[in-house]
Amino acid sequence: MARVQNIVVESNEQSVIPLFWSGIETELAFEITLAKPGASIQFYALLIGKQEQKLTLKINIIHAAPSTTSEVIIKAALSENAQIDINGMIRILPGAKNSNAWLATHILLSENAKGQAIPGLEILENDVKAGHAITISQVSDLEVFYLMSRGLADKKARELVVGGFLQDMIQRFPNSLAMQAKKELVN
């Protein structure tokens, strides 16, 4: 069982947490509490799995005060036999009026890779905004065909599609993590 990383965000503090996974850890867990009015968190996860790599990711966001904001966006690209399980929970506690929460998970799989995402919303207060989204798909044969018709080899075409899928997430990362992610995509 992974050690839970507890993060508390105080009033009028905006925190950005970038997470890049390239197969080293097998379990990651985060509990983030928005403790004071105006607290805000942006949690961005980029997951790149290859070969037999496996990851269980658990994220628990707790809105404990009014006018708090959370945005959790997870993008994963898995090749070969890689696997991920993602469990995300957003809790809006009583008294956390005017909270705004978003949880999105997007997974791109190769033919043998496996991915599962289970979102949860527990809303115990009125006058809030909360939502979640999940997409799980494979690289589109049509996109690959289009790129191949422009002279690219199959492997290069697939690399471009995956790179395009992850690009908006890579741009949200600090330069050092963005460079590491780009390097991992090429390998």
Protein backbone atom coordinates (compact mmCIF):
# COMPACT_ATOMS: atom_id res chain seq x y z
CA MET A 1 0.00 0.00 0.00
CA ALA A 2 1.33 3.40 -1.00
CA ARG A 3 2.02 6.07 1.55
CA VAL A 4 -0.62 8.80 1.20
CA GLN A 5 0.77 12.25 0.49
CA ASN A 6 -1.33 14.68 2.54
CA ILE A 7 -1.49 18.22 1.21
CA VAL A 8 -3.38 21.07 2.88
CA VAL A 9 -4.07 24.24 0.88
CA GLU A 10 -4.76 27.32 2.98
CA SER A 11 -6.86 30.41 2.30
CA ASN A 12 -6.38 32.32 -0.96
CA GLU A 13 -3.49 30.03 -1.81
CA GLN A 14 -3.37 28.55 -5.29
CA SER A 15 -1.32 25.40 -5.62
CA VAL A 16 -0.31 23.61 -8.80
CA ILE A 17 0.82 20.01 -8.45
CA PRO A 18 2.34 18.36 -11.53
CA LEU A 19 2.76 14.58 -11.42
CA PHE A 20 4.78 12.72 -14.04
CA TRP A 21 4.84 8.91 -13.93
CA SER A 22 7.04 6.88 -16.23
CA GLY A 23 6.77 3.47 -14.61
CA ILE A 24 8.93 3.59 -11.49
CA GLU A 25 6.25 3.62 -8.76
CA THR A 26 3.44 1.04 -8.61
CA GLU A 27 1.17 2.95 -6.22
CA LEU A 28 0.63 6.65 -5.64
CA ALA A 29 -1.93 8.22 -3.31
CA PHE A 30 -2.79 11.85 -2.62
CA GLU A 31 -5.22 13.45 -0.16
CA ILE A 32 -5.60 17.16 -0.78
CA THR A 33 -7.66 19.30 1.58
CA LEU A 34 -8.83 22.77 0.62
CA ALA A 35 -8.95 24.01 4.20
CA LYS A 36 -9.74 27.73 4.06
CA PRO A 37 -11.99 29.99 1.95
CA GLY A 38 -10.50 30.78 -1.45
CA ALA A 39 -8.08 27.84 -1.48
CA SER A 40 -7.42 26.42 -4.95
CA ILE A 41 -5.62 23.38 -6.37
CA GLN A 42 -4.67 22.36 -9.88
CA PHE A 43 -3.48 18.74 -10.01
CA TYR A 44 -2.08 17.67 -13.39
CA ALA A 45 -0.95 14.08 -13.93
CA LEU A 46 0.83 12.74 -16.99
CA LEU A 47 1.20 8.95 -16.98
CA ILE A 48 3.33 7.13 -19.55
CA GLY A 49 3.41 3.35 -19.13
CA LYS A 50 5.30 0.77 -21.17
CA GLN A 51 6.08 -2.95 -21.15
CA GLU A 52 4.64 -4.58 -17.98
CA GLN A 53 4.49 -1.42 -15.86
CA LYS A 54 1.51 -1.04 -13.51
CA LEU A 55 0.19 1.86 -11.49
CA THR A 56 -2.60 2.36 -8.99
CA LEU A 57 -3.31 6.08 -8.51
CA LYS A 58 -5.67 7.35 -5.82
CA ILE A 59 -6.62 11.00 -5.52
CA ASN A 60 -8.93 12.34 -2.84
CA ILE A 61 -9.83 16.05 -2.96
CA ILE A 62 -11.68 17.46 0.06
CA HIS A 63 -13.43 20.83 -0.18
CA ALA A 64 -13.67 21.76 3.51
CA ALA A 65 -14.32 25.50 3.19
CA PRO A 66 -16.45 27.82 1.05
CA SER A 67 -15.36 29.25 -2.31
CA THR A 68 -12.70 26.60 -2.93
CA THR A 69 -11.66 25.36 -6.37
CA SER A 70 -10.12 22.12 -7.59
CA GLU A 71 -9.13 21.00 -11.07
CA VAL A 72 -7.75 17.49 -11.51
CA ILE A 73 -6.73 16.46 -15.01
CA ILE A 74 -5.07 13.11 -15.69
CA LYS A 75 -3.78 12.00 -19.08
CA ALA A 76 -2.29 8.56 -19.63
CA ALA A 77 -0.70 6.87 -22.64
CA LEU A 78 -0.05 3.15 -22.22
CA SER A 79 1.78 0.87 -24.61
CA GLU A 80 2.58 -2.83 -24.73
CA ASN A 81 1.10 -4.51 -21.59
CA ALA A 82 1.09 -1.52 -19.24
CA GLN A 83 -1.83 -1.14 -16.81
CA ILE A 84 -3.27 1.66 -14.69
CA ASP A 85 -6.10 1.93 -12.18
CA ILE A 86 -7.20 5.43 -11.26
CA ASN A 87 -9.56 6.18 -8.39
CA GLY A 88 -10.52 9.82 -7.98
CA MET A 89 -12.87 11.19 -5.33
CA ILE A 90 -14.04 14.74 -4.80
CA ARG A 91 -15.78 15.47 -1.51
CA ILE A 92 -17.57 18.76 -0.91
CA LEU A 93 -18.26 18.93 2.81
CA PRO A 94 -21.10 20.75 4.55
CA GLY A 95 -20.34 24.47 4.69
CA ALA A 96 -18.24 24.47 1.50
CA LYS A 97 -20.71 26.63 -0.46
CA ASN A 98 -19.62 28.09 -3.82
CA SER A 99 -17.03 25.36 -4.31
CA ASN A 100 -16.08 24.44 -7.87
CA ALA A 101 -14.60 21.00 -8.62
CA TRP A 102 -13.58 19.21 -11.82
CA LEU A 103 -12.06 15.74 -12.29
CA ALA A 104 -11.10 14.49 -15.77
CA THR A 105 -9.27 11.34 -16.82
CA HIS A 106 -8.24 10.58 -20.40
CA ILE A 107 -6.50 7.30 -21.23
CA LEU A 108 -5.00 6.26 -24.56
CA LEU A 109 -4.25 2.55 -24.83
CA SER A 110 -2.30 0.29 -27.14
CA GLU A 111 -3.92 -2.98 -28.17
CA ASN A 112 -2.78 -4.96 -25.09
CA ALA A 113 -2.63 -2.20 -22.46
CA LYS A 114 -5.35 -1.89 -19.83
CA GLY A 115 -6.75 1.13 -18.06
CA GLN A 116 -9.51 1.72 -15.58
CA ALA A 117 -10.76 4.99 -14.10
CA ILE A 118 -13.36 5.28 -11.36
CA PRO A 119 -14.45 8.83 -10.52
CA GLY A 120 -16.49 9.74 -7.48
CA LEU A 121 -18.35 12.81 -6.30
CA GLU A 122 -19.65 13.14 -2.77
CA ILE A 123 -21.52 16.43 -2.50
CA LEU A 124 -22.82 17.30 0.95
CA GLU A 125 -23.57 20.99 0.30
CA ASN A 126 -25.87 22.96 -2.00
CA ASP A 127 -24.81 25.81 -4.27
CA VAL A 128 -21.69 24.15 -5.71
CA LYS A 129 -20.37 23.14 -9.15
CA ALA A 130 -18.87 19.69 -9.56
CA GLY A 131 -18.29 17.36 -12.47
CA HIS A 132 -16.17 14.62 -13.91
CA ALA A 133 -15.28 13.13 -17.29
CA ILE A 134 -13.55 9.99 -18.49
CA THR A 135 -12.40 8.86 -21.91
CA ILE A 136 -10.62 5.61 -22.66
CA SER A 137 -9.67 4.87 -26.26
CA GLN A 138 -7.04 3.50 -28.58
CA VAL A 139 -5.02 5.31 -31.21
CA SER A 140 -7.37 5.88 -34.11
CA ASP A 141 -6.58 3.82 -37.20
CA LEU A 142 -7.99 6.68 -39.29
CA GLU A 143 -5.51 9.16 -37.82
CA VAL A 144 -2.65 6.73 -38.39
CA PHE A 145 -3.83 6.06 -41.96
CA TYR A 146 -4.00 9.79 -42.67
CA LEU A 147 -0.43 10.35 -41.45
CA MET A 148 0.84 7.31 -43.32
CA SER A 149 -0.78 8.62 -46.50
CA ARG A 150 1.45 11.68 -46.02
CA GLY A 151 4.58 9.51 -46.09
CA LEU A 152 5.11 8.61 -42.43
CA ALA A 153 5.85 5.09 -41.26
CA ASP A 154 3.28 3.40 -39.00
CA LYS A 155 5.42 3.70 -35.84
CA LYS A 156 6.17 7.40 -36.42
CA ALA A 157 2.49 8.11 -37.15
CA ARG A 158 1.44 6.47 -33.87
CA GLU A 159 4.12 8.41 -31.97
CA LEU A 160 2.77 11.67 -33.40
CA VAL A 161 -0.82 10.83 -32.44
CA VAL A 162 0.23 9.97 -28.86
CA GLY A 163 2.42 13.08 -28.66
CA GLY A 164 -0.47 15.25 -29.83
CA PHE A 165 -2.79 13.63 -27.27
CA LEU A 166 -0.36 14.47 -24.43
CA GLN A 167 0.86 17.86 -25.69
CA ASP A 168 -1.61 20.08 -23.82
CA MET A 169 -0.68 18.36 -20.55
CA ILE A 170 3.06 18.62 -21.22
CA GLN A 171 2.61 22.39 -21.74
CA ARG A 172 1.17 22.73 -18.22
CA PHE A 173 4.32 21.25 -16.66
CA PRO A 174 7.46 23.08 -15.52
CA ASN A 175 10.25 22.91 -18.13
CA SER A 176 12.27 20.19 -16.36
CA LEU A 177 9.28 17.82 -16.17
CA ALA A 178 8.15 18.70 -19.68
CA MET A 179 11.60 17.80 -21.06
CA GLN A 180 11.59 14.53 -19.12
CA ALA A 181 8.12 13.66 -20.47
CA LYS A 182 9.14 14.43 -24.07
CA LYS A 183 12.26 12.28 -23.68
CA GLU A 184 10.15 9.41 -22.30
CA LEU A 185 7.81 9.61 -25.30
CA VAL A 186 10.68 9.17 -27.72
CA ASN A 187 12.12 6.12 -25.90
